Amino acid sequence: MLEVDEALVAASARYDFVLVPGLYDSGPEHWQSLWQQRHPFWRRIAQRNWNTPDIELWVGSIRRLLAQRTRPAILLGHSFGALASCCALADGIPGIGGLMLVAPAEPSRFELEERVPERALGIPSVVVASHNDPVMRFPRAVHWAEVWGSELVDLGEAGHINVEAGFGRWPYGLEVLRGLVRRLDAQD
């Protein structure tokens, strides 16, 4: 079992951490799965079909999970899950306090140009992007970070920030998340 991150354990008294995987879910060696093992009190959306990129299924899963929560949630979205997290916020689903959007997918790849919000998200958020991500070119990630009013974290040449790109435990990602928590705490 991996060690828990004490700062994030303490933050769990104030926030619910919710993992929002992308297409095909996140396998056992993916950073989302490893983070959940490390922090078993974190939640993960549930889906019947992870293989069909239907944004409404993802948003519905977020809505159902958050309906059971009482604290503000920090959504940790990867790829298509990052887009779903933005859409859930735009739909006014209550309880979303912050977003960590890792390697968001290009909305046009899924014909979601009209669905993904093209405005400031209005809550603390961070976009973590790579210069050689095959799912979204870096200039587009910069564009979306600016549009959403998100902090941009540039990982350089990091592929799609997944297992295939060498991102398993990804301790730097937890550092980015702790920074987002500090921004949320500073709002209060």
N, C-alpha and C. Protein backbone atom coordinates (compact mmCIF):
# COMPACT_ATOMS: atom_id res chain seq x y z
N MET A 1 0.85 -1.18 0.00
CA MET A 1 0.00 0.00 0.00
C MET A 1 0.89 1.23 0.00
N LEU A 2 0.53 2.22 -0.79
CA LEU A 2 1.28 3.46 -0.86
C LEU A 2 0.98 4.31 0.37
N GLU A 3 1.94 5.14 0.74
CA GLU A 3 1.72 6.06 1.86
C GLU A 3 0.65 7.08 1.51
N VAL A 4 -0.12 7.47 2.50
CA VAL A 4 -1.09 8.55 2.28
C VAL A 4 -0.35 9.88 2.34
N ASP A 5 -0.90 10.85 1.70
CA ASP A 5 -0.36 12.20 1.69
C ASP A 5 -1.08 12.96 2.80
N GLU A 6 -0.37 13.28 3.87
CA GLU A 6 -1.00 13.87 5.06
C GLU A 6 -1.73 15.17 4.76
N ALA A 7 -1.16 16.01 3.89
CA ALA A 7 -1.84 17.27 3.56
C ALA A 7 -3.17 17.02 2.87
N LEU A 8 -3.21 16.01 2.00
CA LEU A 8 -4.46 15.71 1.31
C LEU A 8 -5.44 14.96 2.22
N VAL A 9 -4.93 14.21 3.18
CA VAL A 9 -5.81 13.59 4.17
C VAL A 9 -6.50 14.69 4.98
N ALA A 10 -5.73 15.68 5.40
CA ALA A 10 -6.31 16.80 6.15
C ALA A 10 -7.33 17.56 5.30
N ALA A 11 -7.01 17.75 4.02
CA ALA A 11 -7.93 18.47 3.12
C ALA A 11 -9.22 17.69 2.91
N SER A 12 -9.18 16.38 3.08
CA SER A 12 -10.37 15.55 2.90
C SER A 12 -11.43 15.81 3.97
N ALA A 13 -11.06 16.50 5.03
CA ALA A 13 -12.05 16.91 6.02
C ALA A 13 -12.86 18.10 5.50
N ARG A 14 -12.31 18.80 4.51
CA ARG A 14 -12.97 19.99 3.96
C ARG A 14 -13.53 19.78 2.56
N TYR A 15 -12.94 18.85 1.79
CA TYR A 15 -13.31 18.65 0.40
C TYR A 15 -13.48 17.17 0.10
N ASP A 16 -14.35 16.87 -0.86
CA ASP A 16 -14.44 15.53 -1.41
C ASP A 16 -13.62 15.51 -2.69
N PHE A 17 -12.70 14.57 -2.80
CA PHE A 17 -11.90 14.41 -4.00
C PHE A 17 -12.59 13.37 -4.89
N VAL A 18 -12.87 13.76 -6.14
CA VAL A 18 -13.62 12.90 -7.05
C VAL A 18 -12.82 12.70 -8.32
N LEU A 19 -12.49 11.44 -8.60
CA LEU A 19 -11.75 11.08 -9.81
C LEU A 19 -12.74 10.91 -10.96
N VAL A 20 -12.41 11.58 -12.08
CA VAL A 20 -13.25 11.51 -13.28
C VAL A 20 -12.37 11.02 -14.43
N PRO A 21 -12.27 9.69 -14.60
CA PRO A 21 -11.43 9.15 -15.67
C PRO A 21 -11.98 9.51 -17.05
N GLY A 22 -11.12 9.30 -18.04
CA GLY A 22 -11.52 9.49 -19.43
C GLY A 22 -12.01 8.19 -20.03
N LEU A 23 -11.99 8.15 -21.36
CA LEU A 23 -12.42 6.96 -22.08
C LEU A 23 -11.68 5.73 -21.58
N TYR A 24 -12.38 4.62 -21.52
CA TYR A 24 -11.84 3.32 -21.14
C TYR A 24 -11.47 3.23 -19.67
N ASP A 25 -11.87 4.24 -18.88
CA ASP A 25 -11.55 4.29 -17.45
C ASP A 25 -10.03 4.39 -17.31
N SER A 26 -9.54 4.38 -16.13
CA SER A 26 -8.10 4.42 -15.87
C SER A 26 -7.70 3.08 -15.30
N GLY A 27 -6.78 2.41 -15.97
CA GLY A 27 -6.36 1.08 -15.53
C GLY A 27 -5.64 1.10 -14.20
N PRO A 28 -5.26 -0.07 -13.70
CA PRO A 28 -4.69 -0.18 -12.36
C PRO A 28 -3.36 0.54 -12.17
N GLU A 29 -2.61 0.80 -13.22
CA GLU A 29 -1.32 1.48 -13.09
C GLU A 29 -1.40 2.98 -13.40
N HIS A 30 -2.58 3.46 -13.74
CA HIS A 30 -2.80 4.88 -14.05
C HIS A 30 -2.73 5.69 -12.77
N TRP A 31 -2.27 6.93 -12.86
CA TRP A 31 -2.12 7.77 -11.66
C TRP A 31 -3.44 7.91 -10.92
N GLN A 32 -4.58 8.00 -11.63
CA GLN A 32 -5.86 8.13 -10.91
C GLN A 32 -6.12 6.90 -10.04
N SER A 33 -5.87 5.72 -10.57
CA SER A 33 -6.10 4.50 -9.80
C SER A 33 -5.13 4.39 -8.64
N LEU A 34 -3.88 4.75 -8.88
CA LEU A 34 -2.88 4.69 -7.80
C LEU A 34 -3.18 5.72 -6.72
N TRP A 35 -3.64 6.90 -7.12
CA TRP A 35 -4.01 7.90 -6.11
C TRP A 35 -5.20 7.42 -5.28
N GLN A 36 -6.14 6.75 -5.92
CA GLN A 36 -7.29 6.25 -5.17
C GLN A 36 -6.86 5.15 -4.20
N GLN A 37 -5.93 4.30 -4.61
CA GLN A 37 -5.39 3.30 -3.67
C GLN A 37 -4.72 3.98 -2.50
N ARG A 38 -4.01 5.04 -2.77
CA ARG A 38 -3.28 5.77 -1.74
C ARG A 38 -4.23 6.48 -0.79
N HIS A 39 -5.35 6.94 -1.32
CA HIS A 39 -6.36 7.68 -0.54
C HIS A 39 -7.72 7.02 -0.76
N PRO A 40 -7.99 5.90 -0.11
CA PRO A 40 -9.21 5.14 -0.39
C PRO A 40 -10.51 5.88 -0.05
N PHE A 41 -10.42 6.99 0.63
CA PHE A 41 -11.62 7.78 0.95
C PHE A 41 -12.00 8.68 -0.22
N TRP A 42 -11.16 8.76 -1.27
CA TRP A 42 -11.52 9.50 -2.48
C TRP A 42 -12.59 8.72 -3.22
N ARG A 43 -13.39 9.41 -4.00
CA ARG A 43 -14.46 8.78 -4.77
C ARG A 43 -14.09 8.79 -6.25
N ARG A 44 -14.74 7.92 -6.99
CA ARG A 44 -14.53 7.80 -8.44
C ARG A 44 -15.90 7.64 -9.07
N ILE A 45 -16.14 8.35 -10.17
CA ILE A 45 -17.44 8.19 -10.81
C ILE A 45 -17.57 6.75 -11.32
N ALA A 46 -18.80 6.30 -11.41
CA ALA A 46 -19.09 4.95 -11.91
C ALA A 46 -19.84 5.08 -13.24
N GLN A 47 -19.52 4.19 -14.16
CA GLN A 47 -20.13 4.19 -15.48
C GLN A 47 -20.44 2.75 -15.88
N ARG A 48 -21.44 2.56 -16.69
CA ARG A 48 -21.69 1.25 -17.28
C ARG A 48 -20.83 1.03 -18.51
N ASN A 49 -20.60 2.09 -19.26
CA ASN A 49 -19.88 1.96 -20.52
C ASN A 49 -18.81 3.04 -20.62
N TRP A 50 -17.57 2.63 -20.39
CA TRP A 50 -16.45 3.57 -20.46
C TRP A 50 -15.92 3.73 -21.89
N ASN A 51 -16.45 2.96 -22.83
CA ASN A 51 -15.88 2.93 -24.17
C ASN A 51 -16.57 3.84 -25.17
N THR A 52 -17.72 4.42 -24.80
CA THR A 52 -18.45 5.30 -25.70
C THR A 52 -18.31 6.73 -25.19
N PRO A 53 -17.75 7.63 -26.01
CA PRO A 53 -17.56 9.02 -25.56
C PRO A 53 -18.86 9.82 -25.57
N ASP A 54 -19.72 9.52 -24.63
CA ASP A 54 -21.00 10.22 -24.50
C ASP A 54 -20.89 11.16 -23.29
N ILE A 55 -20.73 12.43 -23.56
CA ILE A 55 -20.49 13.41 -22.49
C ILE A 55 -21.63 13.42 -21.47
N GLU A 56 -22.85 13.16 -21.93
CA GLU A 56 -23.99 13.20 -21.00
C GLU A 56 -23.92 12.05 -20.01
N LEU A 57 -23.37 10.89 -20.41
CA LEU A 57 -23.19 9.79 -19.46
C LEU A 57 -22.20 10.18 -18.37
N TRP A 58 -21.09 10.82 -18.78
CA TRP A 58 -20.07 11.24 -17.80
C TRP A 58 -20.67 12.30 -16.86
N VAL A 59 -21.35 13.29 -17.42
CA VAL A 59 -21.92 14.36 -16.59
C VAL A 59 -22.96 13.77 -15.64
N GLY A 60 -23.77 12.84 -16.12
CA GLY A 60 -24.75 12.18 -15.26
C GLY A 60 -24.10 11.42 -14.11
N SER A 61 -22.97 10.79 -14.40
CA SER A 61 -22.24 10.07 -13.35
C SER A 61 -21.71 11.03 -12.29
N ILE A 62 -21.21 12.18 -12.74
CA ILE A 62 -20.75 13.20 -11.78
C ILE A 62 -21.92 13.70 -10.95
N ARG A 63 -23.04 13.98 -11.60
CA ARG A 63 -24.23 14.47 -10.91
C ARG A 63 -24.67 13.48 -9.82
N ARG A 64 -24.75 12.20 -10.17
CA ARG A 64 -25.19 11.18 -9.19
C ARG A 64 -24.24 11.10 -8.00
N LEU A 65 -22.95 11.11 -8.27
CA LEU A 65 -21.99 11.00 -7.18
C LEU A 65 -22.06 12.23 -6.28
N LEU A 66 -22.12 13.42 -6.87
CA LEU A 66 -22.13 14.64 -6.05
C LEU A 66 -23.43 14.81 -5.28
N ALA A 67 -24.50 14.20 -5.74
CA ALA A 67 -25.77 14.28 -5.02
C ALA A 67 -25.67 13.62 -3.65
N GLN A 68 -24.70 12.72 -3.48
CA GLN A 68 -24.51 12.00 -2.23
C GLN A 68 -23.52 12.70 -1.30
N ARG A 69 -22.89 13.78 -1.74
CA ARG A 69 -21.82 14.43 -1.00
C ARG A 69 -22.34 15.71 -0.33
N THR A 70 -21.68 16.11 0.74
CA THR A 70 -22.10 17.33 1.44
C THR A 70 -21.03 18.41 1.43
N ARG A 71 -19.78 18.04 1.18
CA ARG A 71 -18.69 19.02 1.14
C ARG A 71 -18.43 19.44 -0.31
N PRO A 72 -17.77 20.58 -0.50
CA PRO A 72 -17.38 20.95 -1.87
C PRO A 72 -16.46 19.87 -2.44
N ALA A 73 -16.64 19.60 -3.72
CA ALA A 73 -15.85 18.58 -4.39
C ALA A 73 -14.76 19.20 -5.26
N ILE A 74 -13.64 18.53 -5.30
CA ILE A 74 -12.58 18.84 -6.24
C ILE A 74 -12.59 17.70 -7.26
N LEU A 75 -12.93 18.03 -8.50
CA LEU A 75 -12.97 17.02 -9.55
C LEU A 75 -11.59 16.91 -10.18
N LEU A 76 -11.10 15.68 -10.30
CA LEU A 76 -9.79 15.39 -10.89
C LEU A 76 -10.04 14.67 -12.20
N GLY A 77 -10.18 15.44 -13.28
CA GLY A 77 -10.54 14.87 -14.56
C GLY A 77 -9.34 14.65 -15.46
N HIS A 78 -9.34 13.51 -16.14
CA HIS A 78 -8.29 13.21 -17.12
C HIS A 78 -8.94 13.07 -18.50
N SER A 79 -8.38 13.76 -19.49
CA SER A 79 -8.77 13.63 -20.89
C SER A 79 -10.25 13.93 -21.09
N PHE A 80 -11.03 12.96 -21.55
CA PHE A 80 -12.47 13.16 -21.73
C PHE A 80 -13.14 13.49 -20.40
N GLY A 81 -12.61 12.93 -19.31
CA GLY A 81 -13.14 13.24 -17.98
C GLY A 81 -12.93 14.69 -17.59
N ALA A 82 -11.87 15.32 -18.11
CA ALA A 82 -11.66 16.75 -17.86
C ALA A 82 -12.76 17.56 -18.55
N LEU A 83 -13.10 17.19 -19.79
CA LEU A 83 -14.19 17.89 -20.49
C LEU A 83 -15.51 17.69 -19.75
N ALA A 84 -15.76 16.47 -19.29
CA ALA A 84 -17.00 16.19 -18.56
C ALA A 84 -17.06 17.01 -17.27
N SER A 85 -15.93 17.19 -16.62
CA SER A 85 -15.89 17.99 -15.39
C SER A 85 -16.28 19.43 -15.67
N CYS A 86 -15.76 19.99 -16.76
CA CYS A 86 -16.12 21.36 -17.14
C CYS A 86 -17.61 21.47 -17.48
N CYS A 87 -18.12 20.48 -18.20
CA CYS A 87 -19.54 20.49 -18.56
C CYS A 87 -20.43 20.37 -17.33
N ALA A 88 -20.02 19.54 -16.37
CA ALA A 88 -20.80 19.39 -15.14
C ALA A 88 -20.88 20.73 -14.41
N LEU A 89 -19.76 21.43 -14.35
CA LEU A 89 -19.76 22.74 -13.71
C LEU A 89 -20.66 23.71 -14.48
N ALA A 90 -20.54 23.72 -15.81
CA ALA A 90 -21.35 24.62 -16.64
C ALA A 90 -22.84 24.31 -16.50
N ASP A 91 -23.18 23.05 -16.24
CA ASP A 91 -24.58 22.67 -16.05
C ASP A 91 -25.13 23.10 -14.70
N GLY A 92 -24.27 23.65 -13.85
CA GLY A 92 -24.73 24.12 -12.54
C GLY A 92 -24.88 23.02 -11.52
N ILE A 93 -24.22 21.89 -11.73
CA ILE A 93 -24.29 20.82 -10.73
C ILE A 93 -23.70 21.37 -9.43
N PRO A 94 -24.47 21.35 -8.35
CA PRO A 94 -23.99 21.95 -7.11
C PRO A 94 -22.86 21.15 -6.47
N GLY A 95 -22.05 21.86 -5.72
CA GLY A 95 -21.04 21.21 -4.90
C GLY A 95 -19.66 21.13 -5.50
N ILE A 96 -19.44 21.67 -6.70
CA ILE A 96 -18.11 21.63 -7.31
C ILE A 96 -17.33 22.85 -6.85
N GLY A 97 -16.22 22.61 -6.14
CA GLY A 97 -15.43 23.71 -5.60
C GLY A 97 -14.17 24.00 -6.38
N GLY A 98 -13.62 22.99 -7.07
CA GLY A 98 -12.38 23.17 -7.82
C GLY A 98 -12.22 22.08 -8.86
N LEU A 99 -11.41 22.36 -9.87
CA LEU A 99 -11.17 21.41 -10.95
C LEU A 99 -9.67 21.27 -11.21
N MET A 100 -9.21 20.04 -11.31
CA MET A 100 -7.87 19.74 -11.80
C MET A 100 -8.07 18.98 -13.11
N LEU A 101 -7.73 19.63 -14.22
CA LEU A 101 -8.01 19.12 -15.56
C LEU A 101 -6.69 18.68 -16.18
N VAL A 102 -6.47 17.38 -16.23
CA VAL A 102 -5.20 16.83 -16.68
C VAL A 102 -5.34 16.31 -18.11
N ALA A 103 -4.49 16.83 -18.99
CA ALA A 103 -4.49 16.43 -20.40
C ALA A 103 -5.90 16.44 -20.98
N PRO A 104 -6.59 17.58 -20.88
CA PRO A 104 -7.96 17.59 -21.42
C PRO A 104 -7.96 17.24 -22.90
N ALA A 105 -9.01 16.57 -23.32
CA ALA A 105 -9.16 16.23 -24.73
C ALA A 105 -9.61 17.46 -25.50
N GLU A 106 -9.27 17.52 -26.76
CA GLU A 106 -9.74 18.59 -27.64
C GLU A 106 -11.24 18.38 -27.88
N PRO A 107 -12.08 19.35 -27.53
CA PRO A 107 -13.53 19.17 -27.70
C PRO A 107 -13.93 18.78 -29.12
N SER A 108 -13.27 19.33 -30.12
CA SER A 108 -13.66 19.04 -31.51
C SER A 108 -13.43 17.57 -31.88
N ARG A 109 -12.57 16.86 -31.17
CA ARG A 109 -12.36 15.42 -31.44
C ARG A 109 -13.64 14.63 -31.18
N PHE A 110 -14.52 15.18 -30.35
CA PHE A 110 -15.74 14.49 -29.96
C PHE A 110 -17.00 15.29 -30.34
N GLU A 111 -16.81 16.29 -31.23
CA GLU A 111 -17.91 17.16 -31.66
C GLU A 111 -18.61 17.81 -30.47
N LEU A 112 -17.80 18.31 -29.55
CA LEU A 112 -18.33 18.94 -28.32
C LEU A 112 -18.07 20.44 -28.28
N GLU A 113 -17.80 21.04 -29.43
CA GLU A 113 -17.50 22.48 -29.45
C GLU A 113 -18.62 23.31 -28.84
N GLU A 114 -19.86 22.88 -29.05
CA GLU A 114 -21.01 23.63 -28.53
C GLU A 114 -21.32 23.26 -27.08
N ARG A 115 -20.77 22.16 -26.59
CA ARG A 115 -21.12 21.67 -25.25
C ARG A 115 -20.13 22.12 -24.17
N VAL A 116 -18.85 22.13 -24.51
CA VAL A 116 -17.82 22.50 -23.54
C VAL A 116 -17.87 24.02 -23.35
N PRO A 117 -17.92 24.50 -22.10
CA PRO A 117 -18.06 25.94 -21.87
C PRO A 117 -16.87 26.73 -22.41
N GLU A 118 -17.18 27.81 -23.12
CA GLU A 118 -16.15 28.71 -23.63
C GLU A 118 -16.20 30.01 -22.86
N ARG A 119 -16.01 29.88 -21.55
CA ARG A 119 -16.02 31.04 -20.66
C ARG A 119 -15.27 30.66 -19.37
N ALA A 120 -14.99 31.67 -18.58
CA ALA A 120 -14.31 31.41 -17.31
C ALA A 120 -15.16 30.47 -16.45
N LEU A 121 -14.50 29.53 -15.81
CA LEU A 121 -15.20 28.54 -15.00
C LEU A 121 -15.72 29.13 -13.69
N GLY A 122 -15.06 30.17 -13.20
CA GLY A 122 -15.54 30.85 -12.00
C GLY A 122 -15.16 30.20 -10.69
N ILE A 123 -14.37 29.14 -10.75
CA ILE A 123 -13.86 28.50 -9.53
C ILE A 123 -12.38 28.22 -9.75
N PRO A 124 -11.62 27.99 -8.68
CA PRO A 124 -10.21 27.65 -8.87
C PRO A 124 -10.07 26.39 -9.72
N SER A 125 -9.20 26.50 -10.70
CA SER A 125 -8.97 25.36 -11.59
C SER A 125 -7.56 25.41 -12.12
N VAL A 126 -7.09 24.23 -12.52
CA VAL A 126 -5.75 24.12 -13.09
C VAL A 126 -5.84 23.16 -14.28
N VAL A 127 -5.18 23.55 -15.37
CA VAL A 127 -5.05 22.70 -16.55
C VAL A 127 -3.60 22.23 -16.58
N VAL A 128 -3.41 20.91 -16.60
CA VAL A 128 -2.08 20.33 -16.69
C VAL A 128 -1.94 19.79 -18.11
N ALA A 129 -0.96 20.32 -18.85
CA ALA A 129 -0.87 20.01 -20.27
C ALA A 129 0.56 19.65 -20.68
N SER A 130 0.65 19.04 -21.85
CA SER A 130 1.90 18.54 -22.40
C SER A 130 2.08 19.07 -23.82
N HIS A 131 3.33 19.27 -24.20
CA HIS A 131 3.63 19.77 -25.55
C HIS A 131 3.42 18.72 -26.63
N ASN A 132 3.45 17.46 -26.28
CA ASN A 132 3.29 16.42 -27.30
C ASN A 132 2.12 15.49 -26.99
N ASP A 133 1.07 16.05 -26.42
CA ASP A 133 -0.14 15.28 -26.14
C ASP A 133 -0.86 15.02 -27.47
N PRO A 134 -1.08 13.75 -27.85
CA PRO A 134 -1.76 13.48 -29.11
C PRO A 134 -3.25 13.80 -29.09
N VAL A 135 -3.81 14.07 -27.91
CA VAL A 135 -5.25 14.30 -27.81
C VAL A 135 -5.59 15.79 -27.80
N MET A 136 -4.61 16.66 -27.48
CA MET A 136 -4.80 18.11 -27.59
C MET A 136 -3.44 18.76 -27.76
N ARG A 137 -3.30 19.51 -28.83
CA ARG A 137 -2.05 20.24 -29.07
C ARG A 137 -1.86 21.28 -27.96
N PHE A 138 -0.60 21.55 -27.62
CA PHE A 138 -0.31 22.46 -26.51
C PHE A 138 -0.89 23.86 -26.72
N PRO A 139 -0.79 24.46 -27.91
CA PRO A 139 -1.40 25.79 -28.07
C PRO A 139 -2.89 25.81 -27.77
N ARG A 140 -3.57 24.70 -28.05
CA ARG A 140 -5.00 24.62 -27.72
C ARG A 140 -5.20 24.49 -26.21
N ALA A 141 -4.31 23.77 -25.54
CA ALA A 141 -4.40 23.68 -24.08
C ALA A 141 -4.21 25.06 -23.46
N VAL A 142 -3.27 25.83 -24.01
CA VAL A 142 -3.06 27.21 -23.53
C VAL A 142 -4.33 28.02 -23.75
N HIS A 143 -4.92 27.88 -24.94
CA HIS A 143 -6.17 28.58 -25.25
C HIS A 143 -7.25 28.26 -24.22
N TRP A 144 -7.48 26.96 -23.99
CA TRP A 144 -8.54 26.57 -23.06
C TRP A 144 -8.24 27.03 -21.63
N ALA A 145 -7.01 26.95 -21.21
CA ALA A 145 -6.67 27.43 -19.87
C ALA A 145 -7.00 28.92 -19.74
N GLU A 146 -6.69 29.69 -20.77
CA GLU A 146 -7.01 31.13 -20.74
C GLU A 146 -8.52 31.36 -20.74
N VAL A 147 -9.24 30.65 -21.61
CA VAL A 147 -10.69 30.80 -21.69
C VAL A 147 -11.34 30.45 -20.35
N TRP A 148 -10.89 29.34 -19.75
CA TRP A 148 -11.50 28.89 -18.50
C TRP A 148 -11.01 29.66 -17.28
N GLY A 149 -10.00 30.51 -17.44
CA GLY A 149 -9.44 31.22 -16.30
C GLY A 149 -8.68 30.30 -15.37
N SER A 150 -8.09 29.27 -15.95
CA SER A 150 -7.38 28.25 -15.18
C SER A 150 -5.89 28.53 -15.13
N GLU A 151 -5.27 28.14 -14.03
CA GLU A 151 -3.82 28.12 -13.97
C GLU A 151 -3.34 27.05 -14.95
N LEU A 152 -2.26 27.32 -15.67
CA LEU A 152 -1.70 26.35 -16.61
C LEU A 152 -0.42 25.76 -16.04
N VAL A 153 -0.33 24.45 -15.98
CA VAL A 153 0.89 23.76 -15.59
C VAL A 153 1.43 23.07 -16.83
N ASP A 154 2.60 23.50 -17.28
CA ASP A 154 3.25 23.00 -18.49
C ASP A 154 4.21 21.89 -18.10
N LEU A 155 3.90 20.64 -18.50
CA LEU A 155 4.76 19.51 -18.16
C LEU A 155 5.82 19.23 -19.22
N GLY A 156 5.90 20.07 -20.24
CA GLY A 156 6.89 19.83 -21.29
C GLY A 156 6.44 18.66 -22.16
N GLU A 157 7.37 17.79 -22.51
CA GLU A 157 7.09 16.63 -23.36
C GLU A 157 6.62 15.48 -22.47
N ALA A 158 5.33 15.40 -22.24
CA ALA A 158 4.79 14.40 -21.30
C ALA A 158 3.69 13.55 -21.91
N GLY A 159 3.55 13.57 -23.22
CA GLY A 159 2.52 12.75 -23.86
C GLY A 159 1.14 13.07 -23.33
N HIS A 160 0.35 12.02 -23.16
CA HIS A 160 -1.04 12.20 -22.70
C HIS A 160 -1.17 12.09 -21.17
N ILE A 161 -0.03 12.16 -20.49
CA ILE A 161 0.00 12.13 -19.02
C ILE A 161 -0.78 10.91 -18.51
N ASN A 162 -0.40 9.77 -19.05
CA ASN A 162 -1.04 8.51 -18.69
C ASN A 162 0.05 7.44 -18.53
N VAL A 163 -0.36 6.21 -18.34
CA VAL A 163 0.60 5.12 -18.12
C VAL A 163 1.55 4.98 -19.30
N GLU A 164 1.01 5.04 -20.52
CA GLU A 164 1.84 4.89 -21.71
C GLU A 164 2.92 5.96 -21.79
N ALA A 165 2.67 7.11 -21.23
CA ALA A 165 3.65 8.21 -21.22
C ALA A 165 4.55 8.16 -19.98
N GLY A 166 4.39 7.14 -19.15
CA GLY A 166 5.25 6.97 -17.98
C GLY A 166 4.70 7.58 -16.70
N PHE A 167 3.40 7.88 -16.67
CA PHE A 167 2.81 8.50 -15.48
C PHE A 167 2.02 7.47 -14.70
N GLY A 168 2.68 6.89 -13.71
CA GLY A 168 2.04 5.98 -12.78
C GLY A 168 1.71 6.73 -11.51
N ARG A 169 2.59 6.62 -10.51
CA ARG A 169 2.33 7.27 -9.21
C ARG A 169 2.22 8.79 -9.34
N TRP A 170 3.00 9.41 -10.17
CA TRP A 170 2.99 10.84 -10.48
C TRP A 170 2.94 11.74 -9.24
N PRO A 171 4.01 11.75 -8.44
CA PRO A 171 4.03 12.59 -7.25
C PRO A 171 3.91 14.08 -7.54
N TYR A 172 4.44 14.54 -8.70
CA TYR A 172 4.31 15.97 -9.01
C TYR A 172 2.84 16.36 -9.18
N GLY A 173 2.03 15.45 -9.69
CA GLY A 173 0.60 15.73 -9.82
C GLY A 173 -0.05 16.00 -8.48
N LEU A 174 0.38 15.25 -7.46
CA LEU A 174 -0.15 15.49 -6.11
C LEU A 174 0.29 16.86 -5.59
N GLU A 175 1.48 17.29 -5.97
CA GLU A 175 1.94 18.63 -5.61
C GLU A 175 1.06 19.69 -6.26
N VAL A 176 0.73 19.48 -7.53
CA VAL A 176 -0.18 20.40 -8.22
C VAL A 176 -1.53 20.44 -7.51
N LEU A 177 -2.02 19.27 -7.13
CA LEU A 177 -3.30 19.19 -6.42
C LEU A 177 -3.24 19.92 -5.08
N ARG A 178 -2.15 19.75 -4.34
CA ARG A 178 -2.01 20.47 -3.06
C ARG A 178 -2.05 21.98 -3.30
N GLY A 179 -1.45 22.45 -4.39
CA GLY A 179 -1.50 23.88 -4.73
C GLY A 179 -2.93 24.34 -4.98
N LEU A 180 -3.70 23.51 -5.67
CA LEU A 180 -5.11 23.85 -5.91
C LEU A 180 -5.88 23.91 -4.60
N VAL A 181 -5.61 22.98 -3.70
CA VAL A 181 -6.28 22.98 -2.38
C VAL A 181 -5.92 24.26 -1.64
N ARG A 182 -4.66 24.68 -1.69
CA ARG A 182 -4.27 25.93 -1.02
C ARG A 182 -5.04 27.12 -1.60
N ARG A 183 -5.22 27.14 -2.91
CA ARG A 183 -6.01 28.23 -3.53
C ARG A 183 -7.45 28.21 -3.05
N LEU A 184 -8.02 27.02 -2.94
CA LEU A 184 -9.40 26.91 -2.44
C LEU A 184 -9.49 27.38 -0.98
N ASP A 185 -8.52 26.95 -0.17
CA ASP A 185 -8.52 27.35 1.23
C ASP A 185 -8.38 28.87 1.38
N ALA A 186 -7.62 29.48 0.50
CA ALA A 186 -7.39 30.93 0.57
C ALA A 186 -8.64 31.73 0.26
N GLN A 187 -9.61 31.13 -0.41
CA GLN A 187 -10.89 31.80 -0.74
C GLN A 187 -11.73 32.02 0.50
N ASP A 188 -11.60 31.10 1.47
CA ASP A 188 -12.49 31.15 2.65
C ASP A 188 -12.16 32.27 3.58
